[in-house]
Amino acid sequence: MLTRTTPITRFVVGIAAAGLALGGLTACGGQSLAEAEEGSGGSGGNTSFAEPAPISDEELAKSVLEQIEPDEKLAAQVPEKMRKSGLRATTSVGYPPMEEWASNGTDIVGIDPAMAHAISRKLGLNLSLEDQEFNAMIPGLISGRFDVLLSSMTDNEERRETTTFVDYVQAGNAFLVAEGNPEKIKVPMDLCGKTIAVVESGSSALIAQDFSAACEADGKPGYEILSLSGDGEANLAVQSGRAVATVTDFPVAVERAKNPETQMDAVRIDGDESIWGIGVDNSQKELAKTVQAALQSLMDDGSYKKILDAYGVGDMALEKATINGGA
């Protein structure tokens, strides 16, 4: 079962990738599946499949996941030790729709858990998924406690010193505006001279400052930035009309806009996406290639896109599974 093991603190991922246009994946150093498979050897041997882990009824992609069948060729690449232990994954709960607790407070649901289920089922493995603090996950890979991490983690150069990333989604930011988008906001420049609510000292403040500077460089008035203590206060400022918009990560904005009680719409900001990866310790290069192959198979059979669509974030999809393709 997927269980809670530790209290959670959600740390903000660095904003360095925000504002950088998403280039071609191979141009960023990403390795294609064909390149990754060169010289990789499967472990061979018995490819009997484990009983898959149960999926919560609250998992929005449940019907998609339950249709995924093991791939015998890919399963043959799994080390014998992992066939016995199953795929040991970790995530950091508290970032819906990427990962959150089900109503029973025990099961973990969301896009990242769904991807973990999908990969484990494609490889014919059972799955365990443990909740850890965000900054404790990479040490968990290094120590061998976990095989993979899936937790909205940006694939960047600093993290690649210890971790190999199988890139699985691209994520940028979005504005949250009043329901119906009365100011007709489509791009950041539409907010020049208008009030935008941000979290003081948070990533949203840095993003707003960059966009405001772009307005001024274009000879237009900058943003009127309203700094507040938290996301809730920033959202309330938009709902009350004190601000025209606030800014947050794209999947989070979509999740909030889905709730009719928020009375807000999400407006995606194009061109500032960063790539998020499934982390594997650098000492486990063959495992990274196997996970990459499983993810590519899910892309090819359509399951991958259906998982994202179940959460309304199909725009986060990548065309190919690459290794270390982030900025």
Protein backbone atom coordinates (compact mmCIF):
# COMPACT_ATOMS: atom_id res chain seq x y z
CA MET A 1 0.00 0.00 0.00
CA LEU A 2 1.06 3.61 -0.40
CA THR A 3 1.58 4.98 3.08
CA ARG A 4 2.52 8.14 4.90
CA THR A 5 5.80 7.86 6.76
CA THR A 6 6.97 11.34 7.72
CA PRO A 7 5.67 14.90 8.17
CA ILE A 8 5.97 17.06 5.07
CA THR A 9 7.59 20.39 4.38
CA ARG A 10 7.22 21.58 0.80
CA PHE A 11 10.33 23.45 -0.30
CA VAL A 12 10.14 25.82 -3.24
CA VAL A 13 12.07 24.56 -6.27
CA GLY A 14 14.52 27.15 -7.62
CA ILE A 15 13.15 29.73 -9.96
CA ALA A 16 16.22 29.76 -12.19
CA ALA A 17 14.47 27.84 -14.95
CA ALA A 18 11.49 30.21 -14.98
CA GLY A 19 11.69 32.61 -17.88
CA LEU A 20 13.83 30.31 -19.99
CA ALA A 21 12.18 29.15 -23.17
CA LEU A 22 11.93 25.38 -23.53
CA GLY A 23 14.36 24.37 -26.22
CA GLY A 24 14.60 21.07 -28.05
CA LEU A 25 15.17 18.25 -25.61
CA THR A 26 18.23 16.83 -27.32
CA ALA A 27 19.65 20.35 -27.66
CA CYS A 28 19.51 20.65 -23.86
CA GLY A 29 21.68 17.57 -23.50
CA GLY A 30 18.80 15.10 -23.44
CA GLN A 31 19.56 11.57 -24.54
CA SER A 32 17.09 9.86 -26.84
CA LEU A 33 15.84 6.37 -26.09
CA ALA A 34 17.77 4.95 -29.02
CA GLU A 35 20.97 6.54 -27.71
CA ALA A 36 20.32 5.34 -24.19
CA GLU A 37 19.72 1.77 -25.32
CA GLU A 38 23.09 1.55 -27.06
CA GLY A 39 25.24 -0.73 -24.99
CA SER A 40 22.57 -1.30 -22.35
CA GLY A 41 22.07 -4.91 -21.43
CA GLY A 42 19.10 -6.48 -19.75
CA SER A 43 19.51 -8.82 -16.83
CA GLY A 44 17.64 -11.58 -18.64
CA GLY A 45 16.39 -14.54 -16.67
CA ASN A 46 12.92 -15.17 -15.34
CA THR A 47 10.42 -12.44 -16.19
CA SER A 48 7.52 -13.52 -14.00
CA PHE A 49 5.35 -10.56 -13.07
CA ALA A 50 4.50 -9.45 -9.56
CA GLU A 51 1.00 -8.64 -8.38
CA PRO A 52 0.59 -4.91 -9.05
CA ALA A 53 0.04 -2.50 -6.17
CA PRO A 54 -3.61 -1.59 -5.52
CA ILE A 55 -4.80 1.80 -6.77
CA SER A 56 -6.99 4.12 -4.70
CA ASP A 57 -10.52 4.69 -5.95
CA GLU A 58 -9.72 8.41 -5.65
CA GLU A 59 -6.94 8.17 -8.24
CA LEU A 60 -8.32 10.01 -11.27
CA ALA A 61 -6.28 7.88 -13.68
CA LYS A 62 -7.29 4.59 -12.05
CA SER A 63 -9.08 3.19 -15.12
CA VAL A 64 -6.08 4.00 -17.33
CA LEU A 65 -3.60 2.43 -14.92
CA GLU A 66 -5.54 -0.78 -14.51
CA GLN A 67 -5.37 -1.40 -18.26
CA ILE A 68 -1.56 -1.28 -18.39
CA GLU A 69 -0.03 -4.71 -19.01
CA PRO A 70 3.59 -5.72 -18.36
CA ASP A 71 6.05 -5.62 -21.22
CA GLU A 72 8.04 -8.86 -21.11
CA LYS A 73 11.03 -7.40 -22.95
CA LEU A 74 11.30 -4.47 -20.55
CA ALA A 75 10.68 -6.66 -17.51
CA ALA A 76 13.67 -8.76 -18.56
CA GLN A 77 15.88 -5.71 -17.97
CA VAL A 78 14.89 -5.48 -14.31
CA PRO A 79 17.50 -6.78 -11.83
CA GLU A 80 16.47 -9.93 -9.98
CA LYS A 81 16.75 -8.11 -6.65
CA MET A 82 14.18 -5.54 -7.77
CA ARG A 83 11.79 -8.24 -8.94
CA LYS A 84 11.69 -9.39 -5.34
CA SER A 85 11.59 -5.98 -3.64
CA GLY A 86 9.40 -4.19 -6.19
CA LEU A 87 9.95 -0.62 -7.32
CA ARG A 88 10.66 1.50 -4.24
CA ALA A 89 9.59 5.06 -4.98
CA THR A 90 9.41 8.25 -2.96
CA THR A 91 7.49 11.50 -3.33
CA SER A 92 6.77 14.59 -1.25
CA VAL A 93 3.05 14.93 -0.63
CA GLY A 94 1.34 18.30 -0.51
CA TYR A 95 1.46 19.64 -4.04
CA PRO A 96 -1.84 18.84 -5.77
CA PRO A 97 -2.51 17.75 -8.43
CA MET A 98 1.01 16.28 -8.59
CA GLU A 99 0.70 14.43 -5.29
CA GLU A 100 -1.73 14.56 -2.38
CA TRP A 101 -3.29 12.37 0.29
CA ALA A 102 -6.50 10.52 -0.46
CA SER A 103 -9.33 11.08 2.00
CA ASN A 104 -8.21 8.11 4.11
CA GLY A 105 -4.94 9.91 4.91
CA THR A 106 -2.96 6.84 3.84
CA ASP A 107 -3.11 6.43 0.07
CA ILE A 108 -1.23 8.87 -2.15
CA VAL A 109 -2.86 9.99 -5.38
CA GLY A 110 -1.98 12.42 -8.15
CA ILE A 111 0.06 12.64 -11.33
CA ASP A 112 3.36 11.52 -9.79
CA PRO A 113 1.88 8.47 -8.00
CA ALA A 114 0.01 7.59 -11.21
CA MET A 115 3.26 7.68 -13.19
CA ALA A 116 4.90 5.47 -10.57
CA HIS A 117 2.05 2.96 -10.85
CA ALA A 118 2.22 3.07 -14.65
CA ILE A 119 5.97 2.42 -14.79
CA SER A 120 5.86 -0.36 -12.21
CA ARG A 121 3.01 -2.07 -14.06
CA LYS A 122 4.83 -1.79 -17.39
CA LEU A 123 7.85 -3.45 -15.77
CA GLY A 124 5.75 -6.15 -14.07
CA LEU A 125 6.73 -4.94 -10.58
CA ASN A 126 4.94 -4.25 -7.34
CA LEU A 127 5.21 -0.67 -6.10
CA SER A 128 5.86 0.93 -2.74
CA LEU A 129 5.59 4.71 -2.50
CA GLU A 130 6.76 6.59 0.58
CA ASP A 131 6.26 10.21 1.54
CA GLN A 132 9.45 12.14 2.35
CA GLU A 133 10.45 15.75 2.80
CA PHE A 134 11.36 17.21 -0.58
CA ASN A 135 15.03 17.73 0.31
CA ALA A 136 15.32 14.21 1.76
CA MET A 137 14.49 12.38 -1.44
CA ILE A 138 17.84 12.59 -3.26
CA PRO A 139 19.71 11.46 -0.11
CA GLY A 140 17.26 8.54 -0.05
CA LEU A 141 18.37 7.57 -3.55
CA ILE A 142 22.04 7.90 -2.65
CA SER A 143 21.64 5.70 0.43
CA GLY A 144 19.80 3.03 -1.56
CA ARG A 145 16.59 3.37 0.42
CA PHE A 146 14.66 4.22 -2.75
CA ASP A 147 15.03 3.29 -6.41
CA VAL A 148 13.29 6.32 -7.91
CA LEU A 149 11.79 9.65 -6.91
CA LEU A 150 8.77 11.25 -8.55
CA SER A 151 7.94 14.61 -7.05
CA SER A 152 7.76 17.49 -9.54
CA MET A 153 11.53 17.85 -9.36
CA THR A 154 13.23 20.11 -11.89
CA ASP A 155 15.96 18.38 -13.90
CA ASN A 156 18.88 20.81 -13.60
CA GLU A 157 22.65 20.78 -13.72
CA GLU A 158 23.17 21.01 -9.97
CA ARG A 159 20.98 18.01 -9.20
CA ARG A 160 22.57 15.97 -11.99
CA GLU A 161 25.80 15.90 -9.97
CA THR A 162 24.19 13.09 -7.94
CA THR A 163 21.01 12.17 -9.79
CA THR A 164 20.10 10.95 -13.26
CA PHE A 165 16.73 12.22 -14.48
CA VAL A 166 14.27 10.49 -16.78
CA ASP A 167 12.32 13.48 -18.05
CA TYR A 168 8.56 13.02 -17.90
CA VAL A 169 6.78 16.41 -18.05
CA GLN A 170 7.41 20.07 -18.77
CA ALA A 171 5.92 22.63 -16.43
CA GLY A 172 5.75 26.38 -16.52
CA ASN A 173 3.62 28.94 -14.76
CA ALA A 174 0.14 30.34 -15.10
CA PHE A 175 -1.85 33.37 -14.02
CA LEU A 176 -4.93 32.90 -11.91
CA VAL A 177 -7.51 35.53 -12.83
CA ALA A 178 -11.13 36.18 -11.91
CA GLU A 179 -13.63 33.77 -13.38
CA GLY A 180 -14.41 34.64 -16.98
CA ASN A 181 -11.11 36.54 -17.29
CA PRO A 182 -12.81 39.97 -17.38
CA GLU A 183 -9.51 41.79 -18.12
CA LYS A 184 -8.86 39.46 -21.10
CA ILE A 185 -5.39 38.52 -19.90
CA LYS A 186 -3.61 36.29 -22.42
CA VAL A 187 0.10 37.10 -22.07
CA PRO A 188 2.25 38.74 -19.35
CA MET A 189 2.36 42.06 -21.23
CA ASP A 190 -1.42 42.33 -20.86
CA LEU A 191 -0.80 43.02 -17.16
CA CYS A 192 1.45 46.05 -17.66
CA GLY A 193 0.25 48.78 -15.29
CA LYS A 194 -2.13 46.40 -13.48
CA THR A 195 -2.01 44.97 -9.96
CA ILE A 196 -0.72 41.43 -9.51
CA ALA A 197 -0.72 39.64 -6.14
CA VAL A 198 2.38 37.62 -5.20
CA VAL A 199 3.74 35.74 -2.22
CA GLU A 200 6.38 37.89 -0.55
CA SER A 201 9.89 36.43 -1.10
CA GLY A 202 8.36 33.56 -3.08
CA SER A 203 8.91 32.42 -6.66
CA SER A 204 5.80 34.28 -7.80
CA ALA A 205 7.37 37.57 -6.68
CA LEU A 206 10.48 36.93 -8.78
CA ILE A 207 8.40 36.02 -11.82
CA ALA A 208 6.26 39.15 -11.46
CA GLN A 209 9.36 41.32 -11.13
CA ASP A 210 10.79 39.89 -14.35
CA PHE A 211 7.56 40.48 -16.25
CA SER A 212 7.25 43.98 -14.81
CA ALA A 213 10.78 44.80 -16.00
CA ALA A 214 9.83 43.58 -19.48
CA CYS A 215 6.89 46.00 -19.48
CA GLU A 216 9.14 48.90 -18.54
CA ALA A 217 11.73 47.92 -21.14
CA ASP A 218 8.94 48.14 -23.71
CA GLY A 219 8.04 51.65 -22.57
CA LYS A 220 4.96 50.56 -20.64
CA PRO A 221 4.14 50.91 -16.93
CA GLY A 222 5.37 48.06 -14.79
CA TYR A 223 3.24 45.80 -12.64
CA GLU A 224 1.74 47.13 -9.43
CA ILE A 225 3.01 44.28 -7.27
CA LEU A 226 0.95 43.48 -4.18
CA SER A 227 3.13 41.38 -1.84
CA LEU A 228 1.23 39.14 0.57
CA SER A 229 2.15 36.49 3.11
CA GLY A 230 0.85 33.38 1.32
CA ASP A 231 -0.95 31.79 -1.61
CA GLY A 232 -4.30 32.00 0.15
CA GLU A 233 -3.99 35.73 0.60
CA ALA A 234 -2.88 36.20 -3.03
CA ASN A 235 -5.85 34.20 -4.28
CA LEU A 236 -8.20 36.20 -2.07
CA ALA A 237 -6.82 39.43 -3.52
CA VAL A 238 -7.88 38.27 -7.00
CA GLN A 239 -11.25 37.01 -5.80
CA SER A 240 -11.98 40.31 -4.04
CA GLY A 241 -10.84 42.46 -6.96
CA ARG A 242 -7.80 43.95 -5.20
CA ALA A 243 -5.60 42.36 -7.86
CA VAL A 244 -6.16 41.39 -11.48
CA ALA A 245 -4.06 38.23 -11.24
CA THR A 246 -1.70 36.10 -9.22
CA VAL A 247 0.91 33.67 -10.56
CA THR A 248 1.74 30.07 -9.64
CA ASP A 249 2.90 26.79 -11.22
CA PHE A 250 0.74 25.71 -14.15
CA PRO A 251 -0.57 22.40 -12.70
CA VAL A 252 -1.40 24.08 -9.40
CA ALA A 253 -3.30 26.85 -11.23
CA VAL A 254 -5.29 24.27 -13.20
CA GLU A 255 -6.17 22.40 -10.02
CA ARG A 256 -7.36 25.55 -8.28
CA ALA A 257 -9.37 26.73 -11.27
CA LYS A 258 -11.16 23.37 -11.39
CA ASN A 259 -12.71 24.12 -8.00
CA PRO A 260 -15.85 26.21 -8.63
CA GLU A 261 -15.56 27.75 -5.17
CA THR A 262 -12.38 29.62 -6.17
CA GLN A 263 -14.21 31.47 -8.98
CA MET A 264 -10.94 31.81 -10.88
CA ASP A 265 -9.60 30.80 -14.30
CA ALA A 266 -6.09 29.66 -15.19
CA VAL A 267 -4.18 31.37 -18.00
CA ARG A 268 -1.08 29.45 -19.06
CA ILE A 269 2.15 31.44 -19.51
CA ASP A 270 3.93 30.10 -22.57
CA GLY A 271 7.69 30.04 -22.98
CA ASP A 272 8.88 29.64 -19.38
CA GLU A 273 8.67 25.89 -19.03
CA SER A 274 11.22 23.75 -17.22
CA ILE A 275 11.58 19.99 -17.44
CA TRP A 276 10.77 17.77 -14.47
CA GLY A 277 12.39 14.39 -14.11
CA ILE A 278 12.05 11.03 -12.41
CA GLY A 279 15.20 10.77 -10.32
CA VAL A 280 17.51 7.76 -10.18
CA ASP A 281 20.87 7.66 -8.39
CA ASN A 282 23.85 8.18 -10.69
CA SER A 283 25.18 4.76 -9.72
CA GLN A 284 22.08 3.15 -11.27
CA LYS A 285 22.49 4.10 -14.94
CA GLU A 286 20.96 0.86 -16.23
CA LEU A 287 17.88 1.36 -14.06
CA ALA A 288 17.49 4.87 -15.48
CA LYS A 289 17.54 3.41 -19.01
CA THR A 290 14.94 0.82 -18.05
CA VAL A 291 12.66 3.47 -16.52
CA GLN A 292 13.17 5.58 -19.64
CA ALA A 293 12.16 2.66 -21.86
CA ALA A 294 9.06 2.01 -19.75
CA LEU A 295 8.04 5.66 -19.92
CA GLN A 296 8.57 5.73 -23.69
CA SER A 297 6.39 2.63 -24.01
CA LEU A 298 3.65 4.40 -22.03
CA MET A 299 3.98 7.38 -24.35
CA ASP A 300 3.76 5.15 -27.41
CA ASP A 301 0.66 3.25 -26.27
CA GLY A 302 -1.17 6.43 -25.21
CA SER A 303 -1.35 5.68 -21.48
CA TYR A 304 1.01 8.53 -20.58
CA LYS A 305 -1.10 11.22 -22.21
CA LYS A 306 -4.30 9.76 -20.76
CA ILE A 307 -2.84 10.04 -17.26
CA LEU A 308 -2.09 13.73 -17.76
CA ASP A 309 -5.47 14.33 -19.40
CA ALA A 310 -7.20 12.76 -16.38
CA TYR A 311 -5.84 15.69 -14.37
CA GLY A 312 -6.48 18.31 -17.06
CA VAL A 313 -2.77 18.97 -17.69
CA GLY A 314 -2.19 17.39 -21.08
CA ASP A 315 -0.17 20.48 -22.03
CA MET A 316 2.58 19.23 -19.73
CA ALA A 317 3.28 16.25 -22.00
CA LEU A 318 6.69 15.66 -23.57
CA GLU A 319 6.98 14.08 -27.00
CA LYS A 320 9.85 11.76 -26.04
CA ALA A 321 11.29 10.30 -22.87
CA THR A 322 14.84 11.59 -22.54
CA ILE A 323 17.57 11.35 -19.93
CA ASN A 324 19.02 14.53 -18.39
CA GLY A 325 17.28 16.82 -20.88
CA GLY A 326 16.73 19.73 -18.49
CA ALA A 327 18.49 23.08 -18.60
